[in-house]
Amino acid sequence: MNILLLTNMGRCEESPASGEFVRRQFSAIQNISSDELNLQYFEMPPAALAKKSTFKRYAVFFSSFVKKHLFSRTKYSVLHVHFFFPTILLAISYKLFRNPKVKIVTTFHGNDVYAYKHSPWWYKLCHSFVEHSIFVTARLKQNFYKQDIKHSILCAGLLPIFSVDATVNKKYDYIFVGTLDKNKGALRLKEFAQKLPEEMSIVIVGSGPYQGDFKKLSERNNIVYHYFCDAQKLVGLYQQTKWLVNLSFNESFGLVISEAMACGLPVIATKTDGSLSQISHQENGFILEQGDSLSDQLLSINKQCTTEKYRTLSIRAQNSVEKFLLPYVAKEVKKIYFEVTRK
């Protein structure tokens, strides 16, 4: 069976981690498939990402797909689309012009649902071609325009290397991992970093529109900035830190929350679908109401948390993530491929 994963994300110098969780899922499915499945992967190519205009970027993206896959000798049984619109248009084109029997599976990650709460007719028409929908959280599914559909709830998947190492000493108080943009709370994070007392420290990992601000802030001794860290380095940083802070305005799942919790870090997060799906307030972390300034709350949680309370939070955090592990997710996605092709 030939399977093609499609995503409108891709690696580039400015965003080396972009789409990494999709590539990880692809590799995990590939590792357990042996000779049963022939998996291929298509993401936004570097030539497209280099375009400043959104129209030009997608024009290159679409033309690259046409050249590489629409007229390819390989005939796919399943097209798995990550991020629904406009990537779904590639899958629909393949179904209409190459193989009418192909089954389309879509994973919805967040903005591909949130941005279309009042779904236009063309959005609904595109979804009519989808055989099975995957949502990264049940809360995201609840925001979808249509409820009575074939679907599964599966996150992108957590690598097993994220784990606790009790022999590592805590070197930092806080860590933030994510895109440094407005939606991920970069301005909140900047304010917090500026207010951070000298005796406390924070590690910031990420790239984005505000990365220059954090690179400048890292001139302070208690602020460490990394433009990018691979999974192995991230594990080490998590293990050396007490708390993960997640300050997003909208978050459908938030894989970094799972990563940190697997390493024993309680998470302090703003109230989003992603945080509510993973965090029980004061049980394995803390959920903060959305607001402009959160610095005082972030500081007080750290200062007021006793050693025994922190230990309990840490153990519960670690125990909360077993269902999000990548091997489990990969097996479930593989089952979906076989189920849709049997119909």
C-alpha atoms as a PDB file:
ATOM      1  CA  MET A   1       0.000   0.000   0.000  1.00  0.00           C
ATOM      2  CA  ASN A   2       1.416   3.401  -0.999  1.00  0.00           C
ATOM      3  CA  ILE A   3       0.861   6.246   1.448  1.00  0.00           C
ATOM      4  CA  LEU A   4       1.767   9.917   0.971  1.00  0.00           C
ATOM      5  CA  LEU A   5       1.904  12.389   3.872  1.00  0.00           C
ATOM      6  CA  LEU A   6       1.360  16.012   2.833  1.00  0.00           C
ATOM      7  CA  THR A   7       2.019  19.121   4.909  1.00  0.00           C
ATOM      8  CA  ASN A   8       2.296  22.829   4.188  1.00  0.00           C
ATOM      9  CA  MET A   9       5.068  23.142   6.770  1.00  0.00           C
ATOM     10  CA  GLY A  10       8.758  22.749   6.005  1.00  0.00           C
ATOM     11  CA  ARG A  11      12.242  23.401   7.315  1.00  0.00           C
ATOM     12  CA  CYS A  12      14.069  26.592   6.552  1.00  0.00           C
ATOM     13  CA  GLU A  13      16.903  28.578   8.079  1.00  0.00           C
ATOM     14  CA  GLU A  14      14.492  30.927   9.837  1.00  0.00           C
ATOM     15  CA  SER A  15      12.353  28.089  11.281  1.00  0.00           C
ATOM     16  CA  PRO A  16      14.405  24.881  11.535  1.00  0.00           C
ATOM     17  CA  ALA A  17      11.855  23.191  13.792  1.00  0.00           C
ATOM     18  CA  SER A  18       8.853  23.909  11.565  1.00  0.00           C
ATOM     19  CA  GLY A  19       6.868  20.721  10.949  1.00  0.00           C
ATOM     20  CA  GLU A  20       9.232  18.605  13.035  1.00  0.00           C
ATOM     21  CA  PHE A  21       6.381  16.795  14.807  1.00  0.00           C
ATOM     22  CA  VAL A  22       4.892  15.772  11.439  1.00  0.00           C
ATOM     23  CA  ARG A  23       8.257  14.398  10.286  1.00  0.00           C
ATOM     24  CA  ARG A  24       8.584  12.484  13.547  1.00  0.00           C
ATOM     25  CA  GLN A  25       5.179  10.896  13.079  1.00  0.00           C
ATOM     26  CA  PHE A  26       6.077   9.931   9.509  1.00  0.00           C
ATOM     27  CA  SER A  27       9.302   8.258  10.692  1.00  0.00           C
ATOM     28  CA  ALA A  28       7.508   6.440  13.518  1.00  0.00           C
ATOM     29  CA  ILE A  29       4.875   4.993  11.160  1.00  0.00           C
ATOM     30  CA  GLN A  30       7.620   4.040   8.718  1.00  0.00           C
ATOM     31  CA  ASN A  31       9.531   2.211  11.468  1.00  0.00           C
ATOM     32  CA  ILE A  32       6.601  -0.053  12.365  1.00  0.00           C
ATOM     33  CA  SER A  33       5.368  -0.702   8.831  1.00  0.00           C
ATOM     34  CA  SER A  34       8.069  -3.012   7.459  1.00  0.00           C
ATOM     35  CA  ASP A  35       6.946  -4.146   3.989  1.00  0.00           C
ATOM     36  CA  GLU A  36       3.240  -3.492   4.607  1.00  0.00           C
ATOM     37  CA  LEU A  37       3.322   0.189   3.702  1.00  0.00           C
ATOM     38  CA  ASN A  38       5.382   2.274   1.319  1.00  0.00           C
ATOM     39  CA  LEU A  39       5.389   5.734   2.897  1.00  0.00           C
ATOM     40  CA  GLN A  40       6.472   8.939   1.199  1.00  0.00           C
ATOM     41  CA  TYR A  41       6.565  12.479   2.532  1.00  0.00           C
ATOM     42  CA  PHE A  42       5.949  15.825   0.853  1.00  0.00           C
ATOM     43  CA  GLU A  43       6.374  19.147   2.652  1.00  0.00           C
ATOM     44  CA  MET A  44       6.664  22.783   1.666  1.00  0.00           C
ATOM     45  CA  PRO A  45       9.967  22.871  -0.290  1.00  0.00           C
ATOM     46  CA  PRO A  46      12.739  25.396   0.523  1.00  0.00           C
ATOM     47  CA  ALA A  47      12.151  27.167  -2.808  1.00  0.00           C
ATOM     48  CA  ALA A  48       8.571  27.895  -1.714  1.00  0.00           C
ATOM     49  CA  LEU A  49       9.496  28.944   1.820  1.00  0.00           C
ATOM     50  CA  ALA A  50      11.943  31.462   0.371  1.00  0.00           C
ATOM     51  CA  LYS A  51       9.062  33.394  -1.207  1.00  0.00           C
ATOM     52  CA  LYS A  52       7.856  36.385   0.815  1.00  0.00           C
ATOM     53  CA  SER A  53       4.450  36.463  -0.840  1.00  0.00           C
ATOM     54  CA  THR A  54       1.961  33.878   0.429  1.00  0.00           C
ATOM     55  CA  PHE A  55       0.532  33.528  -3.078  1.00  0.00           C
ATOM     56  CA  LYS A  56       3.954  32.846  -4.599  1.00  0.00           C
ATOM     57  CA  ARG A  57       4.837  30.443  -1.788  1.00  0.00           C
ATOM     58  CA  TYR A  58       1.773  28.299  -2.418  1.00  0.00           C
ATOM     59  CA  ALA A  59       2.152  28.568  -6.179  1.00  0.00           C
ATOM     60  CA  VAL A  60       5.592  26.923  -5.853  1.00  0.00           C
ATOM     61  CA  PHE A  61       4.216  24.434  -3.313  1.00  0.00           C
ATOM     62  CA  PHE A  62       1.396  23.370  -5.652  1.00  0.00           C
ATOM     63  CA  SER A  63       3.554  23.215  -8.779  1.00  0.00           C
ATOM     64  CA  SER A  64       6.159  21.104  -6.940  1.00  0.00           C
ATOM     65  CA  PHE A  65       3.444  18.654  -5.918  1.00  0.00           C
ATOM     66  CA  VAL A  66       2.111  18.422  -9.473  1.00  0.00           C
ATOM     67  CA  LYS A  67       5.576  17.692 -10.889  1.00  0.00           C
ATOM     68  CA  LYS A  68       6.548  15.189  -8.231  1.00  0.00           C
ATOM     69  CA  HIS A  69       3.330  13.325  -7.430  1.00  0.00           C
ATOM     70  CA  LEU A  70       0.326  14.134  -9.609  1.00  0.00           C
ATOM     71  CA  PHE A  71       1.868  12.499 -12.670  1.00  0.00           C
ATOM     72  CA  SER A  72       4.104  10.069 -10.833  1.00  0.00           C
ATOM     73  CA  ARG A  73       4.109   6.376 -11.675  1.00  0.00           C
ATOM     74  CA  THR A  74       3.442   5.653  -8.019  1.00  0.00           C
ATOM     75  CA  LYS A  75      -0.278   5.301  -7.363  1.00  0.00           C
ATOM     76  CA  TYR A  76      -1.220   6.160  -3.789  1.00  0.00           C
ATOM     77  CA  SER A  77      -3.936   4.423  -1.794  1.00  0.00           C
ATOM     78  CA  VAL A  78      -4.017   7.024   1.004  1.00  0.00           C
ATOM     79  CA  LEU A  79      -3.135  10.710   1.138  1.00  0.00           C
ATOM     80  CA  HIS A  80      -2.648  11.931   4.698  1.00  0.00           C
ATOM     81  CA  VAL A  81      -2.974  15.704   4.903  1.00  0.00           C
ATOM     82  CA  HIS A  82      -1.491  17.589   7.881  1.00  0.00           C
ATOM     83  CA  PHE A  83      -3.067  21.049   8.301  1.00  0.00           C
ATOM     84  CA  PHE A  84      -6.317  21.034   6.366  1.00  0.00           C
ATOM     85  CA  PHE A  85      -6.470  24.166   4.245  1.00  0.00           C
ATOM     86  CA  PRO A  86      -5.112  24.856   1.678  1.00  0.00           C
ATOM     87  CA  THR A  87      -3.079  21.608   1.683  1.00  0.00           C
ATOM     88  CA  ILE A  88      -6.288  19.647   1.129  1.00  0.00           C
ATOM     89  CA  LEU A  89      -6.440  21.130  -2.394  1.00  0.00           C
ATOM     90  CA  LEU A  90      -3.402  19.046  -3.358  1.00  0.00           C
ATOM     91  CA  ALA A  91      -5.126  15.872  -2.192  1.00  0.00           C
ATOM     92  CA  ILE A  92      -8.368  16.768  -3.965  1.00  0.00           C
ATOM     93  CA  SER A  93      -6.459  17.469  -7.196  1.00  0.00           C
ATOM     94  CA  TYR A  94      -4.833  14.047  -6.961  1.00  0.00           C
ATOM     95  CA  LYS A  95      -8.201  12.384  -6.378  1.00  0.00           C
ATOM     96  CA  LEU A  96      -9.885  14.190  -9.284  1.00  0.00           C
ATOM     97  CA  PHE A  97      -7.132  13.909 -11.871  1.00  0.00           C
ATOM     98  CA  ARG A  98      -5.019  10.887 -10.894  1.00  0.00           C
ATOM     99  CA  ASN A  99      -6.790   8.315  -8.726  1.00  0.00           C
ATOM    100  CA  PRO A 100     -10.509   8.670  -7.866  1.00  0.00           C
ATOM    101  CA  LYS A 101     -10.248   5.719  -5.456  1.00  0.00           C
ATOM    102  CA  VAL A 102      -7.621   7.292  -3.210  1.00  0.00           C
ATOM    103  CA  LYS A 103      -8.682   7.789   0.416  1.00  0.00           C
ATOM    104  CA  ILE A 104      -7.966  11.114   2.087  1.00  0.00           C
ATOM    105  CA  VAL A 105      -7.133  11.308   5.800  1.00  0.00           C
ATOM    106  CA  THR A 106      -6.644  14.707   7.441  1.00  0.00           C
ATOM    107  CA  THR A 107      -5.027  15.681  10.738  1.00  0.00           C
ATOM    108  CA  PHE A 108      -6.325  18.996  12.098  1.00  0.00           C
ATOM    109  CA  HIS A 109      -3.776  20.769  14.281  1.00  0.00           C
ATOM    110  CA  GLY A 110      -5.465  23.998  15.402  1.00  0.00           C
ATOM    111  CA  ASN A 111      -5.678  27.071  13.209  1.00  0.00           C
ATOM    112  CA  ASP A 112      -7.044  24.938  10.383  1.00  0.00           C
ATOM    113  CA  VAL A 113     -10.156  24.691  12.608  1.00  0.00           C
ATOM    114  CA  TYR A 114     -10.054  27.882  14.698  1.00  0.00           C
ATOM    115  CA  ALA A 115      -9.746  30.142  11.654  1.00  0.00           C
ATOM    116  CA  TYR A 116     -12.889  28.619  10.111  1.00  0.00           C
ATOM    117  CA  LYS A 117     -15.392  28.492  12.977  1.00  0.00           C
ATOM    118  CA  HIS A 118     -17.977  29.974  10.621  1.00  0.00           C
ATOM    119  CA  SER A 119     -16.984  27.633   7.837  1.00  0.00           C
ATOM    120  CA  PRO A 120     -17.577  28.941   4.292  1.00  0.00           C
ATOM    121  CA  TRP A 121     -19.113  26.682   1.680  1.00  0.00           C
ATOM    122  CA  TRP A 122     -15.775  25.933  -0.016  1.00  0.00           C
ATOM    123  CA  TYR A 123     -14.289  24.728   3.293  1.00  0.00           C
ATOM    124  CA  LYS A 124     -17.193  22.323   3.741  1.00  0.00           C
ATOM    125  CA  LEU A 125     -16.916  21.194   0.130  1.00  0.00           C
ATOM    126  CA  CYS A 126     -13.219  20.392   0.599  1.00  0.00           C
ATOM    127  CA  HIS A 127     -13.991  18.377   3.728  1.00  0.00           C
ATOM    128  CA  SER A 128     -16.551  16.296   1.826  1.00  0.00           C
ATOM    129  CA  PHE A 129     -13.588  14.576   0.115  1.00  0.00           C
ATOM    130  CA  VAL A 130     -12.126  13.462   3.493  1.00  0.00           C
ATOM    131  CA  GLU A 131     -12.638   9.847   4.538  1.00  0.00           C
ATOM    132  CA  HIS A 132     -11.340  10.153   8.105  1.00  0.00           C
ATOM    133  CA  SER A 133     -10.501  13.194  10.254  1.00  0.00           C
ATOM    134  CA  ILE A 134      -7.935  13.205  13.060  1.00  0.00           C
ATOM    135  CA  PHE A 135      -8.023  15.949  15.704  1.00  0.00           C
ATOM    136  CA  VAL A 136      -5.156  16.508  18.123  1.00  0.00           C
ATOM    137  CA  THR A 137      -7.583  17.055  21.034  1.00  0.00           C
ATOM    138  CA  ALA A 138     -11.253  16.439  21.740  1.00  0.00           C
ATOM    139  CA  ARG A 139     -11.670  20.174  22.402  1.00  0.00           C
ATOM    140  CA  LEU A 140     -10.432  20.943  18.901  1.00  0.00           C
ATOM    141  CA  LYS A 141     -12.988  18.490  17.492  1.00  0.00           C
ATOM    142  CA  GLN A 142     -15.742  20.333  19.402  1.00  0.00           C
ATOM    143  CA  ASN A 143     -14.803  23.514  17.531  1.00  0.00           C
ATOM    144  CA  PHE A 144     -15.215  21.842  14.138  1.00  0.00           C
ATOM    145  CA  TYR A 145     -18.230  22.865  12.060  1.00  0.00           C
ATOM    146  CA  LYS A 146     -19.502  19.276  11.777  1.00  0.00           C
ATOM    147  CA  GLN A 147     -19.653  16.742  14.604  1.00  0.00           C
ATOM    148  CA  ASP A 148     -21.109  13.625  12.972  1.00  0.00           C
ATOM    149  CA  ILE A 149     -18.017  12.484  11.058  1.00  0.00           C
ATOM    150  CA  LYS A 150     -15.565   9.588  11.095  1.00  0.00           C
ATOM    151  CA  HIS A 151     -12.802  10.805  13.368  1.00  0.00           C
ATOM    152  CA  SER A 152     -10.077   9.972  15.890  1.00  0.00           C
ATOM    153  CA  ILE A 153      -8.426  11.982  18.660  1.00  0.00           C
ATOM    154  CA  LEU A 154      -4.647  11.623  18.361  1.00  0.00           C
ATOM    155  CA  CYS A 155      -1.893  14.123  19.101  1.00  0.00           C
ATOM    156  CA  ALA A 156       1.205  14.400  16.911  1.00  0.00           C
ATOM    157  CA  GLY A 157       3.090  12.043  19.243  1.00  0.00           C
ATOM    158  CA  LEU A 158       5.742  12.308  21.936  1.00  0.00           C
ATOM    159  CA  LEU A 159       9.216  10.836  21.415  1.00  0.00           C
ATOM    160  CA  PRO A 160      10.107   8.243  24.095  1.00  0.00           C
ATOM    161  CA  ILE A 161      13.472   9.973  24.735  1.00  0.00           C
ATOM    162  CA  PHE A 162      11.645  12.608  26.788  1.00  0.00           C
ATOM    163  CA  SER A 163      11.988  11.168  30.277  1.00  0.00           C
ATOM    164  CA  VAL A 164      13.011  11.908  33.847  1.00  0.00           C
ATOM    165  CA  ASP A 165      16.620  11.721  35.022  1.00  0.00           C
ATOM    166  CA  ALA A 166      16.678  12.132  38.796  1.00  0.00           C
ATOM    167  CA  THR A 167      20.481  12.418  38.823  1.00  0.00           C
ATOM    168  CA  VAL A 168      20.422  15.764  36.975  1.00  0.00           C
ATOM    169  CA  ASN A 169      20.460  18.892  39.138  1.00  0.00           C
ATOM    170  CA  LYS A 170      17.999  21.703  38.520  1.00  0.00           C
ATOM    171  CA  LYS A 171      19.957  24.583  37.032  1.00  0.00           C
ATOM    172  CA  TYR A 172      17.136  26.809  35.745  1.00  0.00           C
ATOM    173  CA  ASP A 173      13.808  27.933  37.173  1.00  0.00           C
ATOM    174  CA  TYR A 174      11.830  28.257  33.945  1.00  0.00           C
ATOM    175  CA  ILE A 175      11.969  27.176  30.318  1.00  0.00           C
ATOM    176  CA  PHE A 176       9.941  28.343  27.321  1.00  0.00           C
ATOM    177  CA  VAL A 177       9.973  26.375  24.047  1.00  0.00           C
ATOM    178  CA  GLY A 178       8.081  27.535  20.985  1.00  0.00           C
ATOM    179  CA  THR A 179       7.672  30.025  18.187  1.00  0.00           C
ATOM    180  CA  LEU A 180       8.412  33.561  19.324  1.00  0.00           C
ATOM    181  CA  ASP A 181       5.310  35.237  17.963  1.00  0.00           C
ATOM    182  CA  LYS A 182       2.258  37.003  19.378  1.00  0.00           C
ATOM    183  CA  ASN A 183       0.011  33.933  19.498  1.00  0.00           C
ATOM    184  CA  LYS A 184       2.558  31.956  21.518  1.00  0.00           C
ATOM    185  CA  GLY A 185       2.760  34.832  23.999  1.00  0.00           C
ATOM    186  CA  ALA A 186       6.142  36.284  23.035  1.00  0.00           C
ATOM    187  CA  LEU A 187       5.257  39.721  24.433  1.00  0.00           C
ATOM    188  CA  ARG A 188       4.131  38.191  27.734  1.00  0.00           C
ATOM    189  CA  LEU A 189       7.339  36.189  27.825  1.00  0.00           C
ATOM    190  CA  LYS A 190       9.434  39.273  27.112  1.00  0.00           C
ATOM    191  CA  GLU A 191       7.811  41.164  29.985  1.00  0.00           C
ATOM    192  CA  PHE A 192       8.368  38.204  32.308  1.00  0.00           C
ATOM    193  CA  ALA A 193      12.028  37.865  31.309  1.00  0.00           C
ATOM    194  CA  GLN A 194      12.560  41.580  31.915  1.00  0.00           C
ATOM    195  CA  LYS A 195      11.025  41.316  35.420  1.00  0.00           C
ATOM    196  CA  LEU A 196      12.853  38.113  36.345  1.00  0.00           C
ATOM    197  CA  PRO A 197      14.862  38.631  39.572  1.00  0.00           C
ATOM    198  CA  GLU A 198      18.605  38.053  39.302  1.00  0.00           C
ATOM    199  CA  GLU A 199      18.450  35.005  41.566  1.00  0.00           C
ATOM    200  CA  MET A 200      16.057  33.273  39.145  1.00  0.00           C
ATOM    201  CA  SER A 201      16.800  32.048  35.628  1.00  0.00           C
ATOM    202  CA  ILE A 202      15.019  31.140  32.403  1.00  0.00           C
ATOM    203  CA  VAL A 203      15.910  29.272  29.199  1.00  0.00           C
ATOM    204  CA  ILE A 204      14.169  30.382  26.005  1.00  0.00           C
ATOM    205  CA  VAL A 205      14.208  28.124  22.925  1.00  0.00           C
ATOM    206  CA  GLY A 206      12.668  29.251  19.672  1.00  0.00           C
ATOM    207  CA  SER A 207      12.711  31.414  16.602  1.00  0.00           C
ATOM    208  CA  GLY A 208      10.234  33.873  15.172  1.00  0.00           C
ATOM    209  CA  PRO A 209       9.435  37.567  14.798  1.00  0.00           C
ATOM    210  CA  TYR A 210      10.634  38.438  18.310  1.00  0.00           C
ATOM    211  CA  GLN A 211      13.808  36.356  18.417  1.00  0.00           C
ATOM    212  CA  GLY A 212      16.000  39.480  18.233  1.00  0.00           C
ATOM    213  CA  ASP A 213      14.461  40.768  21.472  1.00  0.00           C
ATOM    214  CA  PHE A 214      15.324  37.582  23.316  1.00  0.00           C
ATOM    215  CA  LYS A 215      18.805  37.367  21.878  1.00  0.00           C
ATOM    216  CA  LYS A 216      19.357  40.860  23.298  1.00  0.00           C
ATOM    217  CA  LEU A 217      17.879  39.880  26.664  1.00  0.00           C
ATOM    218  CA  SER A 218      20.220  36.884  26.849  1.00  0.00           C
ATOM    219  CA  GLU A 219      23.055  39.309  27.550  1.00  0.00           C
ATOM    220  CA  ARG A 220      21.799  39.100  31.136  1.00  0.00           C
ATOM    221  CA  ASN A 221      23.399  36.320  33.171  1.00  0.00           C
ATOM    222  CA  ASN A 222      20.075  34.730  34.180  1.00  0.00           C
ATOM    223  CA  ILE A 223      18.583  34.475  30.658  1.00  0.00           C
ATOM    224  CA  VAL A 224      19.751  31.790  28.210  1.00  0.00           C
ATOM    225  CA  TYR A 225      18.557  31.887  24.604  1.00  0.00           C
ATOM    226  CA  HIS A 226      18.754  29.087  22.010  1.00  0.00           C
ATOM    227  CA  TYR A 227      17.588  29.701  18.448  1.00  0.00           C
ATOM    228  CA  PHE A 228      17.042  25.959  17.972  1.00  0.00           C
ATOM    229  CA  CYS A 229      17.619  22.738  19.917  1.00  0.00           C
ATOM    230  CA  ASP A 230      17.223  19.195  18.640  1.00  0.00           C
ATOM    231  CA  ALA A 231      15.214  16.697  20.681  1.00  0.00           C
ATOM    232  CA  GLN A 232      18.222  15.319  22.566  1.00  0.00           C
ATOM    233  CA  LYS A 233      19.364  18.765  23.680  1.00  0.00           C
ATOM    234  CA  LEU A 234      15.823  19.701  24.649  1.00  0.00           C
ATOM    235  CA  VAL A 235      15.628  16.654  26.906  1.00  0.00           C
ATOM    236  CA  GLY A 236      18.752  17.838  28.721  1.00  0.00           C
ATOM    237  CA  LEU A 237      17.377  21.353  29.158  1.00  0.00           C
ATOM    238  CA  TYR A 238      14.031  20.086  30.430  1.00  0.00           C
ATOM    239  CA  GLN A 239      15.770  17.849  32.945  1.00  0.00           C
ATOM    240  CA  GLN A 240      17.775  20.814  34.247  1.00  0.00           C
ATOM    241  CA  THR A 241      14.706  23.037  34.706  1.00  0.00           C
ATOM    242  CA  LYS A 242      11.912  23.265  37.291  1.00  0.00           C
ATOM    243  CA  TRP A 243       8.973  24.648  35.296  1.00  0.00           C
ATOM    244  CA  LEU A 244       7.826  24.931  31.691  1.00  0.00           C
ATOM    245  CA  VAL A 245       5.934  28.137  30.930  1.00  0.00           C
ATOM    246  CA  ASN A 246       3.433  28.104  28.066  1.00  0.00           C
ATOM    247  CA  LEU A 247       1.835  31.499  27.419  1.00  0.00           C
ATOM    248  CA  SER A 248      -0.196  30.958  24.253  1.00  0.00           C
ATOM    249  CA  PHE A 249      -3.420  32.729  23.377  1.00  0.00           C
ATOM    250  CA  ASN A 250      -4.546  29.767  21.227  1.00  0.00           C
ATOM    251  CA  GLU A 251      -3.071  26.263  21.460  1.00  0.00           C
ATOM    252  CA  SER A 252      -4.808  23.175  20.097  1.00  0.00           C
ATOM    253  CA  PHE A 253      -2.516  20.694  21.861  1.00  0.00           C
ATOM    254  CA  GLY A 254       0.980  21.955  22.612  1.00  0.00           C
ATOM    255  CA  LEU A 255       3.429  19.083  22.228  1.00  0.00           C
ATOM    256  CA  VAL A 256       6.046  20.945  24.281  1.00  0.00           C
ATOM    257  CA  ILE A 257       3.693  20.577  27.263  1.00  0.00           C
ATOM    258  CA  SER A 258       3.825  16.789  26.852  1.00  0.00           C
ATOM    259  CA  GLU A 259       7.606  16.831  26.351  1.00  0.00           C
ATOM    260  CA  ALA A 260       8.200  18.783  29.536  1.00  0.00           C
ATOM    261  CA  MET A 261       5.775  16.715  31.602  1.00  0.00           C
ATOM    262  CA  ALA A 262       7.425  13.503  30.420  1.00  0.00           C
ATOM    263  CA  CYS A 263      10.677  14.904  31.822  1.00  0.00           C
ATOM    264  CA  GLY A 264       8.965  15.550  35.148  1.00  0.00           C
ATOM    265  CA  LEU A 265       8.317  19.267  34.719  1.00  0.00           C
ATOM    266  CA  PRO A 266       5.038  20.678  35.971  1.00  0.00           C
ATOM    267  CA  VAL A 267       3.719  23.218  33.459  1.00  0.00           C
ATOM    268  CA  ILE A 268       2.424  26.719  34.114  1.00  0.00           C
ATOM    269  CA  ALA A 269       0.212  27.510  31.128  1.00  0.00           C
ATOM    270  CA  THR A 270      -2.433  29.932  30.025  1.00  0.00           C
ATOM    271  CA  LYS A 271      -5.932  28.577  29.523  1.00  0.00           C
ATOM    272  CA  THR A 272      -6.175  27.066  26.032  1.00  0.00           C
ATOM    273  CA  ASP A 273      -7.622  23.892  24.527  1.00  0.00           C
ATOM    274  CA  GLY A 274      -4.127  22.388  24.645  1.00  0.00           C
ATOM    275  CA  SER A 275      -3.432  23.140  28.295  1.00  0.00           C
ATOM    276  CA  LEU A 276      -6.904  22.047  29.422  1.00  0.00           C
ATOM    277  CA  SER A 277      -6.407  18.764  27.539  1.00  0.00           C
ATOM    278  CA  GLN A 278      -3.206  17.948  29.424  1.00  0.00           C
ATOM    279  CA  ILE A 279      -3.082  19.854  32.710  1.00  0.00           C
ATOM    280  CA  SER A 280      -5.207  19.419  35.821  1.00  0.00           C
ATOM    281  CA  HIS A 281      -4.890  22.653  37.791  1.00  0.00           C
ATOM    282  CA  GLN A 282      -2.738  22.232  40.907  1.00  0.00           C
ATOM    283  CA  GLU A 283      -2.520  18.495  40.256  1.00  0.00           C
ATOM    284  CA  ASN A 284       0.213  18.205  37.599  1.00  0.00           C
ATOM    285  CA  GLY A 285       0.656  21.910  36.836  1.00  0.00           C
ATOM    286  CA  PHE A 286      -1.106  25.256  36.867  1.00  0.00           C
ATOM    287  CA  ILE A 287      -3.525  26.913  34.434  1.00  0.00           C
ATOM    288  CA  LEU A 288      -3.664  30.707  34.344  1.00  0.00           C
ATOM    289  CA  GLU A 289      -6.553  32.753  33.011  1.00  0.00           C
ATOM    290  CA  GLN A 290      -5.758  34.715  29.875  1.00  0.00           C
ATOM    291  CA  GLY A 291      -4.460  38.216  30.629  1.00  0.00           C
ATOM    292  CA  ASP A 292      -1.980  40.802  29.483  1.00  0.00           C
ATOM    293  CA  SER A 293       0.425  40.535  32.432  1.00  0.00           C
ATOM    294  CA  LEU A 294       1.161  37.153  34.022  1.00  0.00           C
ATOM    295  CA  SER A 295       4.623  37.818  35.457  1.00  0.00           C
ATOM    296  CA  ASP A 296       3.568  38.078  39.117  1.00  0.00           C
ATOM    297  CA  GLN A 297       1.641  34.791  38.951  1.00  0.00           C
ATOM    298  CA  LEU A 298       4.559  32.971  37.334  1.00  0.00           C
ATOM    299  CA  LEU A 299       6.932  34.199  40.019  1.00  0.00           C
ATOM    300  CA  SER A 300       4.622  33.492  42.963  1.00  0.00           C
ATOM    301  CA  ILE A 301       3.924  29.886  41.914  1.00  0.00           C
ATOM    302  CA  ASN A 302       7.649  29.143  41.953  1.00  0.00           C
ATOM    303  CA  LYS A 303       8.271  30.929  45.251  1.00  0.00           C
ATOM    304  CA  GLN A 304       5.301  29.444  47.099  1.00  0.00           C
ATOM    305  CA  CYS A 305       5.652  25.838  45.930  1.00  0.00           C
ATOM    306  CA  THR A 306       7.163  23.664  48.663  1.00  0.00           C
ATOM    307  CA  THR A 307       9.637  20.872  47.909  1.00  0.00           C
ATOM    308  CA  GLU A 308       7.042  18.214  48.732  1.00  0.00           C
ATOM    309  CA  LYS A 309       4.336  19.898  46.625  1.00  0.00           C
ATOM    310  CA  TYR A 310       6.726  20.204  43.688  1.00  0.00           C
ATOM    311  CA  ARG A 311       7.693  16.534  43.954  1.00  0.00           C
ATOM    312  CA  THR A 312       4.005  15.515  43.827  1.00  0.00           C
ATOM    313  CA  LEU A 313       3.340  17.760  40.829  1.00  0.00           C
ATOM    314  CA  SER A 314       6.383  16.339  39.055  1.00  0.00           C
ATOM    315  CA  ILE A 315       5.376  12.695  39.534  1.00  0.00           C
ATOM    316  CA  ARG A 316       1.825  13.371  38.383  1.00  0.00           C
ATOM    317  CA  ALA A 317       3.073  15.287  35.358  1.00  0.00           C
ATOM    318  CA  GLN A 318       5.242  12.370  34.289  1.00  0.00           C
ATOM    319  CA  ASN A 319       2.363   9.905  34.724  1.00  0.00           C
ATOM    320  CA  SER A 320       0.019  12.038  32.616  1.00  0.00           C
ATOM    321  CA  VAL A 321       1.688  11.594  29.243  1.00  0.00           C
ATOM    322  CA  GLU A 322       1.783   7.850  28.541  1.00  0.00           C
ATOM    323  CA  LYS A 323      -1.190   8.067  26.126  1.00  0.00           C
ATOM    324  CA  PHE A 324       0.625  10.716  24.062  1.00  0.00           C
ATOM    325  CA  LEU A 325       3.713   8.618  23.256  1.00  0.00           C
ATOM    326  CA  LEU A 326       4.660   8.503  19.577  1.00  0.00           C
ATOM    327  CA  PRO A 327       4.747   4.674  19.192  1.00  0.00           C
ATOM    328  CA  TYR A 328       1.107   4.488  20.326  1.00  0.00           C
ATOM    329  CA  VAL A 329       0.043   7.313  18.003  1.00  0.00           C
ATOM    330  CA  ALA A 330       1.886   5.734  15.050  1.00  0.00           C
ATOM    331  CA  LYS A 331       0.111   2.388  15.572  1.00  0.00           C
ATOM    332  CA  GLU A 332      -3.280   4.110  15.683  1.00  0.00           C
ATOM    333  CA  VAL A 333      -2.611   6.095  12.506  1.00  0.00           C
ATOM    334  CA  LYS A 334      -1.493   2.911  10.746  1.00  0.00           C
ATOM    335  CA  LYS A 335      -4.783   1.258  11.760  1.00  0.00           C
ATOM    336  CA  ILE A 336      -6.675   4.161  10.205  1.00  0.00           C
ATOM    337  CA  TYR A 337      -4.856   3.661   6.895  1.00  0.00           C
ATOM    338  CA  PHE A 338      -5.948   0.036   6.729  1.00  0.00           C
ATOM    339  CA  GLU A 339      -9.506   0.805   7.853  1.00  0.00           C
ATOM    340  CA  VAL A 340     -10.145   3.444   5.182  1.00  0.00           C
ATOM    341  CA  THR A 341      -8.703   1.304   2.377  1.00  0.00           C
ATOM    342  CA  ARG A 342     -10.893  -1.673   3.313  1.00  0.00           C
ATOM    343  CA  LYS A 343     -14.045   0.339   2.637  1.00  0.00           C
END
